[in-house]
Amino acid sequence: PGLDDARSSAPWSGRVDRGSQKGRRPEQRTTGRPATLAAPTIRVAAGRSVANVVVAERAPSIEALYQARYAAAYERGLAKVDAELAVGEIRVPIGQPEHLFRANQVDDFARRDLRAFALEQGHGIDLVRINQRLYLEGTSGPYRIPDLYFPQSGTILDGTLGFKSARTPQIMDFRAANNNAPIGIVRPESYGGFYWIGK
C-alpha cells in the first residue's frame, strides 16, 4: 500500500514505502442473504415474494466483505492519525516526509483492524492472507507484500493514500504473481475512493 512512486521499479525482496496523490472512481458493493428458492421455475425479483416464493439477495463474496471492512478501516485510520498529528499526540520523525508518515500510520491501523476482523470471522490463510509475502514465481525468490490476498480467486486489495495504475511497478508485480486477477485499490473518499485495476 502507499504511493508506488517511492518504491523500487523492479521485483525485489522486501517491503516498500508509500506516498500521496489523488485519483478517482469509487466502487460500489452489494450485500444480502443466501438465496432460498421454493420453486426455481418462477422468476421473481431479488428480495421480493410472489405467490409464497421468496428469492433473497445474494450474500456478499469474501472479497466484497473485506473490501467494505478495509475501506471503513482506512477512513477511520486517516481520521485518527490526522487528529493525533493536530494535537501533537504523534509527531513526524525528523527527516521523514509527512505524507509518508501518515500513510504508514494509516496502513498500520487498517492492518490491525483487518487481522482482528479475520480472527473474529474465523477466516484462515486458505481464504485471506493479510500482509504476507506473495512470490512472483513459485515459493521463493522476489516477492511483494499485498495488504490482502485471496488465494481462491487471486484477487488483491491494496490500501494507499496515492494513485496506482496497471503501469505502477508494484501493480505489475502483483499481476504477474496472481495471473492478472483483479486488484482493488482502497483509498479514503477524500483521496478519490476505491477503484479496480484489471476488472
Protein backbone atom coordinates (compact mmCIF):
# COMPACT_ATOMS: atom_id res chain seq x y z
CA PRO A 1 0.00 0.00 0.00
CA GLY A 2 1.02 3.61 -0.34
CA LEU A 3 2.46 5.58 -3.23
CA ASP A 4 4.48 3.43 -5.54
CA ASP A 5 6.48 6.43 -6.80
CA ALA A 6 8.64 5.91 -3.70
CA ARG A 7 9.13 2.22 -4.42
CA SER A 8 11.60 0.28 -6.50
CA SER A 9 10.71 -0.23 -10.17
CA ALA A 10 11.65 -3.92 -10.33
CA PRO A 11 10.83 -7.11 -8.35
CA TRP A 12 12.70 -7.18 -5.09
CA SER A 13 12.87 -8.99 -1.78
CA GLY A 14 11.31 -6.63 0.72
CA ARG A 15 8.55 -4.19 1.76
CA VAL A 16 8.07 -0.87 0.03
CA ASP A 17 7.17 2.71 1.02
CA ARG A 18 4.11 4.92 0.44
CA GLY A 19 3.17 8.47 -0.51
CA SER A 20 0.20 10.52 -1.81
CA GLN A 21 -1.56 11.75 -4.93
CA LYS A 22 -5.20 11.78 -5.96
CA GLY A 23 -7.37 9.77 -8.34
CA ARG A 24 -10.98 8.82 -8.93
CA ARG A 25 -13.64 6.15 -9.44
CA PRO A 26 -15.22 4.88 -6.20
CA GLU A 27 -16.52 1.33 -6.24
CA GLN A 28 -19.97 0.18 -5.08
CA ARG A 29 -20.80 -3.10 -3.41
CA THR A 30 -23.88 -5.22 -2.74
CA THR A 31 -24.88 -7.19 0.31
CA GLY A 32 -27.63 -9.63 1.19
CA ARG A 33 -28.50 -13.16 2.28
CA PRO A 34 -28.12 -16.60 0.64
CA ALA A 35 -30.95 -17.29 -1.79
CA THR A 36 -33.89 -19.52 -0.82
CA LEU A 37 -35.82 -20.92 -3.79
CA ALA A 38 -39.13 -22.74 -3.24
CA ALA A 39 -39.87 -23.03 -6.97
CA PRO A 40 -36.92 -22.36 -9.28
CA THR A 41 -39.14 -22.23 -12.37
CA ILE A 42 -40.78 -18.98 -11.19
CA ARG A 43 -38.79 -15.81 -11.93
CA VAL A 44 -39.13 -13.07 -9.34
CA ALA A 45 -37.11 -10.03 -8.34
CA ALA A 46 -34.40 -10.49 -5.70
CA GLY A 47 -35.58 -9.76 -2.19
CA ARG A 48 -39.31 -9.96 -3.08
CA SER A 49 -42.01 -12.61 -2.60
CA VAL A 50 -44.51 -13.73 -5.24
CA ALA A 51 -47.06 -16.49 -4.58
CA ASN A 52 -45.14 -17.63 -1.47
CA VAL A 53 -41.89 -17.86 -3.45
CA VAL A 54 -39.05 -15.87 -1.89
CA VAL A 55 -35.74 -15.07 -3.56
CA ALA A 56 -33.28 -13.29 -1.28
CA GLU A 57 -30.34 -11.22 -2.43
CA ARG A 58 -27.04 -12.99 -2.93
CA ALA A 59 -24.65 -12.99 0.02
CA PRO A 60 -21.52 -10.85 -0.48
CA SER A 61 -18.33 -12.58 -1.53
CA ILE A 62 -15.42 -12.70 0.89
CA GLU A 63 -13.65 -10.15 -1.32
CA ALA A 64 -16.61 -7.74 -1.06
CA LEU A 65 -16.79 -8.32 2.70
CA TYR A 66 -13.16 -7.34 3.20
CA GLN A 67 -13.35 -4.51 0.68
CA ALA A 68 -16.05 -2.86 2.78
CA ARG A 69 -14.19 -3.53 6.03
CA TYR A 70 -10.89 -2.26 4.64
CA ALA A 71 -12.43 0.93 3.22
CA ALA A 72 -14.06 1.70 6.58
CA ALA A 73 -10.81 0.99 8.46
CA TYR A 74 -8.86 3.28 6.13
CA GLU A 75 -11.33 6.12 6.72
CA ARG A 76 -11.16 5.65 10.50
CA GLY A 77 -7.39 5.31 10.44
CA LEU A 78 -6.91 8.53 8.46
CA ALA A 79 -9.20 10.47 10.80
CA LYS A 80 -7.36 9.11 13.85
CA VAL A 81 -3.89 9.87 12.51
CA ASP A 82 -4.82 13.39 11.41
CA ALA A 83 -6.39 14.12 14.81
CA GLU A 84 -3.32 12.84 16.66
CA LEU A 85 -0.99 14.90 14.47
CA ALA A 86 -3.11 18.01 15.02
CA VAL A 87 -2.83 17.86 18.82
CA GLY A 88 0.78 16.69 18.87
CA GLU A 89 0.00 13.22 20.20
CA ILE A 90 2.19 11.81 17.46
CA ARG A 91 4.95 13.61 15.57
CA VAL A 92 6.55 13.09 12.19
CA PRO A 93 10.11 11.77 12.67
CA ILE A 94 12.84 14.17 11.59
CA GLY A 95 13.84 13.50 8.01
CA GLN A 96 10.67 11.59 7.07
CA PRO A 97 8.12 13.20 4.72
CA GLU A 98 4.81 13.84 6.48
CA HIS A 99 2.71 12.21 3.75
CA LEU A 100 4.78 9.03 4.03
CA PHE A 101 4.48 9.01 7.82
CA ARG A 102 0.71 9.48 7.60
CA ALA A 103 0.36 6.70 5.03
CA ASN A 104 2.35 4.26 7.15
CA GLN A 105 0.33 5.10 10.26
CA VAL A 106 -2.97 4.61 8.42
CA ASP A 107 -1.72 1.32 6.96
CA ASP A 108 -0.80 0.07 10.40
CA PHE A 109 -4.21 0.99 11.84
CA ALA A 110 -6.09 -0.70 8.99
CA ARG A 111 -3.89 -3.80 9.10
CA ARG A 112 -4.58 -4.34 12.80
CA ASP A 113 -8.29 -3.88 12.18
CA LEU A 114 -8.30 -6.44 9.35
CA ARG A 115 -6.42 -9.03 11.39
CA ALA A 116 -8.89 -8.64 14.26
CA PHE A 117 -11.77 -8.96 11.79
CA ALA A 118 -10.34 -12.12 10.21
CA LEU A 119 -9.89 -13.66 13.67
CA GLU A 120 -13.44 -12.72 14.62
CA GLN A 121 -14.81 -14.27 11.40
CA GLY A 122 -12.69 -17.40 11.71
CA HIS A 123 -11.06 -16.84 8.31
CA GLY A 124 -7.75 -18.63 7.85
CA ILE A 125 -5.00 -18.17 5.27
CA ASP A 126 -6.85 -20.51 2.91
CA LEU A 127 -9.41 -17.70 2.48
CA VAL A 128 -7.49 -14.48 3.05
CA ARG A 129 -3.86 -13.56 3.66
CA ILE A 130 -3.11 -10.26 5.35
CA ASN A 131 0.24 -8.58 4.75
CA GLN A 132 2.04 -11.77 3.71
CA ARG A 133 4.59 -12.46 1.04
CA LEU A 134 3.37 -13.14 -2.48
CA TYR A 135 6.16 -14.59 -4.59
CA LEU A 136 6.32 -13.55 -8.21
CA GLU A 137 7.16 -17.13 -9.18
CA GLY A 138 6.83 -20.31 -7.17
CA THR A 139 7.56 -20.26 -3.44
CA SER A 140 10.86 -18.37 -3.31
CA GLY A 141 12.74 -15.51 -4.88
CA PRO A 142 11.44 -11.97 -5.50
CA TYR A 143 8.16 -11.13 -3.78
CA ARG A 144 5.72 -8.37 -2.95
CA ILE A 145 3.54 -7.96 0.13
CA PRO A 146 -0.05 -7.05 -0.75
CA ASP A 147 -2.29 -5.88 2.06
CA LEU A 148 -4.92 -8.52 1.30
CA TYR A 149 -4.63 -11.54 -0.98
CA PHE A 150 -7.43 -14.04 -1.60
CA PRO A 151 -5.87 -17.36 -2.68
CA GLN A 152 -9.05 -18.85 -4.14
CA SER A 153 -9.69 -16.02 -6.61
CA GLY A 154 -6.25 -14.41 -6.79
CA THR A 155 -7.82 -11.03 -6.03
CA ILE A 156 -5.67 -8.45 -4.23
CA LEU A 157 -6.75 -5.43 -2.18
CA ASP A 158 -4.13 -2.80 -1.51
CA GLY A 159 -4.54 0.41 0.51
CA THR A 160 -2.93 3.73 -0.33
CA LEU A 161 -3.22 7.49 0.00
CA GLY A 162 -1.90 7.78 -3.54
CA PHE A 163 -2.74 6.61 -7.04
CA LYS A 164 -1.70 3.39 -8.75
CA SER A 165 -2.29 2.12 -12.25
CA ALA A 166 -1.57 -1.03 -14.23
CA ARG A 167 1.80 0.54 -15.10
CA THR A 168 2.87 1.05 -11.48
CA PRO A 169 5.80 -1.37 -10.84
CA GLN A 170 4.19 -2.78 -7.69
CA ILE A 171 0.93 -3.47 -9.54
CA MET A 172 2.77 -5.04 -12.45
CA ASP A 173 4.42 -7.43 -9.99
CA PHE A 174 1.08 -8.17 -8.31
CA ARG A 175 -0.46 -9.08 -11.65
CA ALA A 176 2.48 -11.27 -12.56
CA ALA A 177 2.07 -13.11 -9.26
CA ASN A 178 -1.73 -13.50 -9.33
CA ASN A 179 -2.16 -14.34 -13.02
CA ASN A 180 -3.74 -10.96 -13.79
CA ALA A 181 -6.60 -11.37 -11.32
CA PRO A 182 -8.34 -8.09 -10.32
CA ILE A 183 -6.59 -5.69 -7.96
CA GLY A 184 -8.67 -3.33 -5.83
CA ILE A 185 -7.13 -0.06 -4.69
CA VAL A 186 -8.53 1.07 -1.34
CA ARG A 187 -8.37 4.80 -0.61
CA PRO A 188 -10.29 7.24 1.61
CA GLU A 189 -13.08 9.09 -0.22
CA SER A 190 -11.18 12.35 0.22
CA TYR A 191 -8.35 10.82 -1.84
CA GLY A 192 -10.59 9.59 -4.65
CA GLY A 193 -12.12 6.44 -3.17
CA PHE A 194 -11.94 2.81 -4.25
CA TYR A 195 -11.27 1.58 -7.79
CA TRP A 196 -10.35 -1.64 -9.61
CA ILE A 197 -7.38 -2.40 -11.84
CA GLY A 198 -7.91 -5.21 -14.33
CA LYS A 199 -11.60 -5.86 -13.65
